[in-house]
Amino acid sequence: MTHPHPRTALSVNLNKVALVRNTRHLGIPSVTRAAQLCLQAGAQGITVHPRPDGRHIRAQDVQELAALLRAWPGREFNIEGNPTHNLMEFIRTLRPQQATFVPDDEGQFTSDHGWSFPQDAERLRPLIAQCRSLGVRVSLFMDPIAEQMAAAHAVGADRVELYTEPYAAAWATEQQEVQLARYASAAQAALAAGLGVNAGHDLNQHNLAAFVARVPGLAEVSIGHAFVADALEQGYAATVQAYQRCIEQGLLDRS
């Protein structure tokens, strides 16, 4: 099947697989096995967000996943985190295809806001330059504020990842269209500034197709919590295929 838009890549976030594993000392479920099954089913990438407290993904997981991804040319490894915490050591040693900078506090429950400009510009600029000198693409986790996109490009970012929890929270309410318009505007501003557009946080099988259909230039979606919840019922392979059908439907609806 062909369509006039580039395909949106699916990157599977495996943090919640690690969270379940960490409740016992048996090594199951295996994070690397989960990654392998997702890649075999056609996922275009794997995402992890190793936090300093090791509550889910641990340093050894990141090392093992990097080794696994080297055997899958054309697939991408995306490591997320705060570049002022533990992220940069992973980037320097492993050189993944993408580093996603997220402005989390060390003990933060989950990511809940993006970077702000001009406040964050000076501390981000040298860290972004360091990644790019290593050949690593940099994506900045951003709220859907169109006016912030040019500033993200000005500090050297290659992409932005639009934080999609507000959209997910508005799904099936009267605010859904308002939120979709915000994200479409932010994505258009990012594209106009020369940035690629990623998205993630609380996207699921119900809300993904509509988001893909409405938001222009969507290069990648990173999906973890809902994906792993679905995989508990459907299995990894079937879940990858289900999310890719959502993406395909969104692209067709955009046409």
Protein backbone atom coordinates (compact mmCIF):
# COMPACT_ATOMS: atom_id res chain seq x y z
CA MET A 1 0.00 0.00 0.00
CA THR A 2 1.31 3.42 -0.87
CA HIS A 3 0.36 6.83 0.44
CA PRO A 4 1.60 10.37 -0.24
CA HIS A 5 3.11 10.91 3.22
CA PRO A 6 6.29 9.49 4.77
CA ARG A 7 5.49 6.72 7.22
CA THR A 8 5.48 7.61 10.90
CA ALA A 9 7.91 5.33 12.77
CA LEU A 10 6.85 3.39 15.87
CA SER A 11 9.40 3.37 18.67
CA VAL A 12 8.45 1.10 21.57
CA ASN A 13 9.31 2.35 25.06
CA LEU A 14 10.26 -0.60 27.28
CA ASN A 15 10.40 1.11 30.68
CA LYS A 16 7.31 -0.70 31.99
CA VAL A 17 8.71 -4.10 31.03
CA ALA A 18 11.71 -3.30 33.23
CA LEU A 19 9.42 -2.06 36.02
CA VAL A 20 7.68 -5.43 36.21
CA ARG A 21 10.99 -7.30 36.09
CA ASN A 22 12.40 -5.23 38.93
CA THR A 23 9.71 -6.41 41.35
CA ARG A 24 11.56 -9.77 41.61
CA HIS A 25 15.14 -10.99 41.16
CA LEU A 26 14.44 -13.54 38.44
CA GLY A 27 15.31 -11.48 35.36
CA ILE A 28 11.83 -11.86 33.87
CA PRO A 29 10.24 -10.44 31.86
CA SER A 30 13.37 -9.81 29.79
CA VAL A 31 13.76 -6.32 28.41
CA THR A 32 16.04 -7.44 25.60
CA ARG A 33 13.67 -10.26 24.64
CA ALA A 34 10.81 -7.77 24.52
CA ALA A 35 12.88 -5.54 22.25
CA GLN A 36 13.77 -8.45 20.00
CA LEU A 37 10.14 -9.49 19.63
CA CYS A 38 9.04 -5.93 18.86
CA LEU A 39 11.77 -5.51 16.26
CA GLN A 40 10.92 -8.86 14.67
CA ALA A 41 7.31 -7.70 14.41
CA GLY A 42 8.38 -4.56 12.55
CA ALA A 43 8.83 -1.82 15.16
CA GLN A 44 11.17 0.83 13.75
CA GLY A 45 12.81 1.63 17.06
CA ILE A 46 13.25 1.04 20.76
CA THR A 47 13.08 3.78 23.39
CA VAL A 48 14.26 3.74 27.00
CA HIS A 49 14.33 6.40 29.70
CA PRO A 50 16.91 5.33 32.30
CA ARG A 51 16.34 7.41 35.43
CA PRO A 52 19.08 8.02 37.99
CA ASP A 53 17.30 5.90 40.64
CA GLY A 54 17.11 2.85 38.34
CA ARG A 55 13.42 2.36 39.13
CA HIS A 56 12.84 0.63 35.79
CA ILE A 57 15.44 0.67 33.00
CA ARG A 58 18.91 0.13 34.42
CA ALA A 59 22.35 0.91 33.01
CA GLN A 60 22.91 -2.74 32.07
CA ASP A 61 19.65 -2.74 30.10
CA VAL A 62 20.80 0.27 28.10
CA GLN A 63 24.10 -1.44 27.31
CA GLU A 64 22.40 -4.69 26.27
CA LEU A 65 19.81 -2.94 24.13
CA ALA A 66 22.51 -0.94 22.38
CA ALA A 67 24.27 -4.20 21.53
CA LEU A 68 21.01 -5.73 20.30
CA LEU A 69 20.17 -2.76 18.08
CA ARG A 70 23.55 -2.97 16.38
CA ALA A 71 22.33 -6.23 14.85
CA TRP A 72 19.27 -4.43 13.41
CA PRO A 73 20.53 -1.95 10.82
CA GLY A 74 17.91 0.59 9.90
CA ARG A 75 16.22 0.41 13.31
CA GLU A 76 16.81 3.15 15.88
CA PHE A 77 17.75 3.31 19.53
CA ASN A 78 16.35 6.35 21.32
CA ILE A 79 17.63 7.12 24.82
CA GLU A 80 15.61 9.68 26.78
CA GLY A 81 16.50 11.58 29.90
CA ASN A 82 17.67 14.77 31.49
CA PRO A 83 21.09 15.65 30.01
CA THR A 84 22.14 17.17 33.35
CA HIS A 85 21.60 13.83 35.14
CA ASN A 86 22.76 10.48 33.77
CA LEU A 87 21.90 10.74 30.07
CA MET A 88 25.11 12.10 28.59
CA GLU A 89 27.32 9.21 29.72
CA PHE A 90 25.08 6.80 27.79
CA ILE A 91 25.23 9.07 24.75
CA ARG A 92 29.01 9.37 24.82
CA THR A 93 29.63 5.64 25.21
CA LEU A 94 26.82 4.14 23.12
CA ARG A 95 26.06 6.79 20.46
CA PRO A 96 22.43 5.87 19.81
CA GLN A 97 20.68 7.20 16.75
CA GLN A 98 18.67 9.64 18.87
CA ALA A 99 18.89 11.32 22.27
CA THR A 100 15.68 12.85 23.59
CA PHE A 101 16.32 15.56 26.20
CA VAL A 102 13.59 15.65 28.86
CA PRO A 103 13.51 18.24 31.68
CA ASP A 104 12.66 15.80 34.50
CA ASP A 105 13.64 16.16 38.12
CA GLU A 106 15.53 13.17 39.54
CA GLY A 107 12.58 11.80 41.50
CA GLN A 108 9.85 12.80 39.07
CA PHE A 109 7.05 10.24 38.71
CA THR A 110 6.78 10.67 34.94
CA SER A 111 7.56 13.31 32.33
CA ASP A 112 4.96 16.06 32.53
CA HIS A 113 6.30 19.18 30.82
CA GLY A 114 8.69 20.33 28.12
CA TRP A 115 11.68 22.66 27.93
CA SER A 116 11.09 26.42 27.98
CA PHE A 117 12.85 29.16 26.06
CA PRO A 118 14.74 31.35 26.56
CA GLN A 119 15.16 30.00 30.13
CA ASP A 120 16.73 26.66 29.14
CA ALA A 121 18.68 27.78 26.09
CA GLU A 122 22.14 28.28 27.52
CA ARG A 123 22.37 25.02 29.42
CA LEU A 124 21.02 23.01 26.48
CA ARG A 125 23.14 24.49 23.69
CA PRO A 126 26.52 22.91 24.61
CA LEU A 127 24.94 19.55 25.43
CA ILE A 128 23.15 19.45 22.10
CA ALA A 129 26.39 20.39 20.34
CA GLN A 130 28.16 17.55 22.12
CA CYS A 131 25.58 15.02 20.92
CA ARG A 132 25.68 16.27 17.38
CA SER A 133 29.49 16.09 17.34
CA LEU A 134 29.07 12.37 18.12
CA GLY A 135 26.63 11.91 15.26
CA VAL A 136 23.62 11.61 17.57
CA ARG A 137 20.35 13.28 16.61
CA VAL A 138 18.82 15.42 19.37
CA SER A 139 15.10 15.72 20.03
CA LEU A 140 13.80 18.13 22.69
CA PHE A 141 10.71 17.22 24.71
CA MET A 142 8.41 20.20 24.22
CA ASP A 143 4.93 21.38 25.07
CA PRO A 144 2.80 22.09 21.96
CA ILE A 145 3.53 25.82 21.88
CA ALA A 146 4.11 26.99 18.33
CA GLU A 147 6.04 30.09 19.44
CA GLN A 148 8.71 27.91 21.12
CA MET A 149 9.69 25.89 18.05
CA ALA A 150 12.05 28.36 16.41
CA ALA A 151 13.91 28.71 19.71
CA ALA A 152 14.33 24.92 19.91
CA HIS A 153 15.92 24.97 16.48
CA ALA A 154 18.12 27.91 17.41
CA VAL A 155 19.83 25.95 20.20
CA GLY A 156 20.75 23.21 17.72
CA ALA A 157 18.02 20.59 18.11
CA ASP A 158 17.22 18.33 15.17
CA ARG A 159 13.70 17.43 16.29
CA VAL A 160 11.12 18.10 18.96
CA GLU A 161 9.04 15.49 20.72
CA LEU A 162 5.62 16.97 21.39
CA TYR A 163 4.34 16.04 24.85
CA THR A 164 0.95 14.52 24.12
CA GLU A 165 -0.64 13.94 27.55
CA PRO A 166 -2.93 17.01 27.21
CA TYR A 167 -4.24 15.60 23.94
CA ALA A 168 -4.76 12.15 25.46
CA ALA A 169 -6.58 13.67 28.43
CA ALA A 170 -8.91 15.54 26.07
CA TRP A 171 -9.70 12.49 23.94
CA ALA A 172 -13.44 11.97 23.43
CA THR A 173 -14.27 15.28 25.13
CA GLU A 174 -15.29 18.63 23.70
CA GLN A 175 -11.65 19.71 24.07
CA GLN A 176 -10.32 17.08 21.66
CA GLU A 177 -10.50 19.32 18.61
CA VAL A 178 -8.98 22.25 20.50
CA GLN A 179 -6.01 20.11 21.49
CA LEU A 180 -5.56 18.66 18.01
CA ALA A 181 -5.43 22.17 16.62
CA ARG A 182 -2.72 23.10 19.16
CA TYR A 183 -0.57 20.14 18.15
CA ALA A 184 -1.08 20.71 14.45
CA SER A 185 -0.03 24.34 14.86
CA ALA A 186 3.03 23.42 16.93
CA ALA A 187 4.09 20.76 14.43
CA GLN A 188 3.67 23.14 11.51
CA ALA A 189 5.79 25.74 13.32
CA ALA A 190 8.46 23.12 14.02
CA LEU A 191 8.56 22.06 10.37
CA ALA A 192 8.77 25.70 9.29
CA ALA A 193 11.72 26.18 11.65
CA GLY A 194 13.56 23.22 10.12
CA LEU A 195 12.83 20.69 12.87
CA GLY A 196 11.60 17.13 12.63
CA VAL A 197 8.55 16.22 14.70
CA ASN A 198 8.19 13.32 17.14
CA ALA A 199 5.43 12.78 19.69
CA GLY A 200 4.79 10.74 22.78
CA HIS A 201 3.10 10.28 26.16
CA ASP A 202 -0.24 8.52 26.68
CA LEU A 203 -0.81 7.79 23.01
CA ASN A 204 -2.77 4.56 22.59
CA GLN A 205 -4.78 2.51 20.10
CA HIS A 206 -7.84 4.73 20.58
CA ASN A 207 -6.28 8.16 20.04
CA LEU A 208 -3.26 7.49 17.82
CA ALA A 209 -4.86 7.42 14.34
CA ALA A 210 -6.59 10.77 14.81
CA PHE A 211 -3.34 12.33 16.00
CA VAL A 212 -1.36 11.00 13.03
CA ALA A 213 -4.07 12.19 10.66
CA ARG A 214 -4.07 15.74 12.00
CA VAL A 215 -0.46 16.49 12.94
CA PRO A 216 1.76 17.18 9.91
CA GLY A 217 5.23 15.76 9.38
CA LEU A 218 5.10 13.26 12.22
CA ALA A 219 8.36 11.33 11.97
CA GLU A 220 8.05 9.13 15.05
CA VAL A 221 5.76 8.23 17.92
CA SER A 222 7.20 6.78 21.10
CA ILE A 223 4.69 4.64 23.01
CA GLY A 224 5.29 2.73 26.23
CA HIS A 225 2.68 2.47 28.96
CA ALA A 226 -0.32 1.73 26.76
CA PHE A 227 1.77 -0.48 24.49
CA VAL A 228 2.96 -2.69 27.34
CA ALA A 229 -0.56 -2.83 28.81
CA ASP A 230 -1.88 -4.00 25.44
CA ALA A 231 0.97 -6.48 25.03
CA LEU A 232 0.02 -8.17 28.30
CA GLU A 233 -3.23 -9.17 26.60
CA GLN A 234 -2.26 -9.43 22.94
CA GLY A 235 1.46 -10.24 22.91
CA TYR A 236 4.27 -8.05 21.60
CA ALA A 237 3.98 -8.92 17.92
CA ALA A 238 0.23 -8.41 17.71
CA THR A 239 0.54 -5.13 19.60
CA VAL A 240 3.21 -3.80 17.25
CA GLN A 241 0.99 -4.68 14.31
CA ALA A 242 -2.06 -3.07 15.94
CA TYR A 243 -0.25 0.21 16.54
CA GLN A 244 1.13 0.20 13.03
CA ARG A 245 -2.38 -0.23 11.69
CA CYS A 246 -3.38 2.85 13.70
CA ILE A 247 -0.51 4.78 12.12
CA GLU A 248 -1.45 3.57 8.65
CA GLN A 249 -5.07 4.52 9.21
CA GLY A 250 -4.03 7.99 10.34
CA LEU A 251 -1.91 8.48 7.25
CA LEU A 252 -4.75 7.34 5.02
CA ASP A 253 -7.19 9.66 6.79
CA ARG A 254 -4.76 12.53 6.22
CA SER A 255 -4.76 11.91 2.45
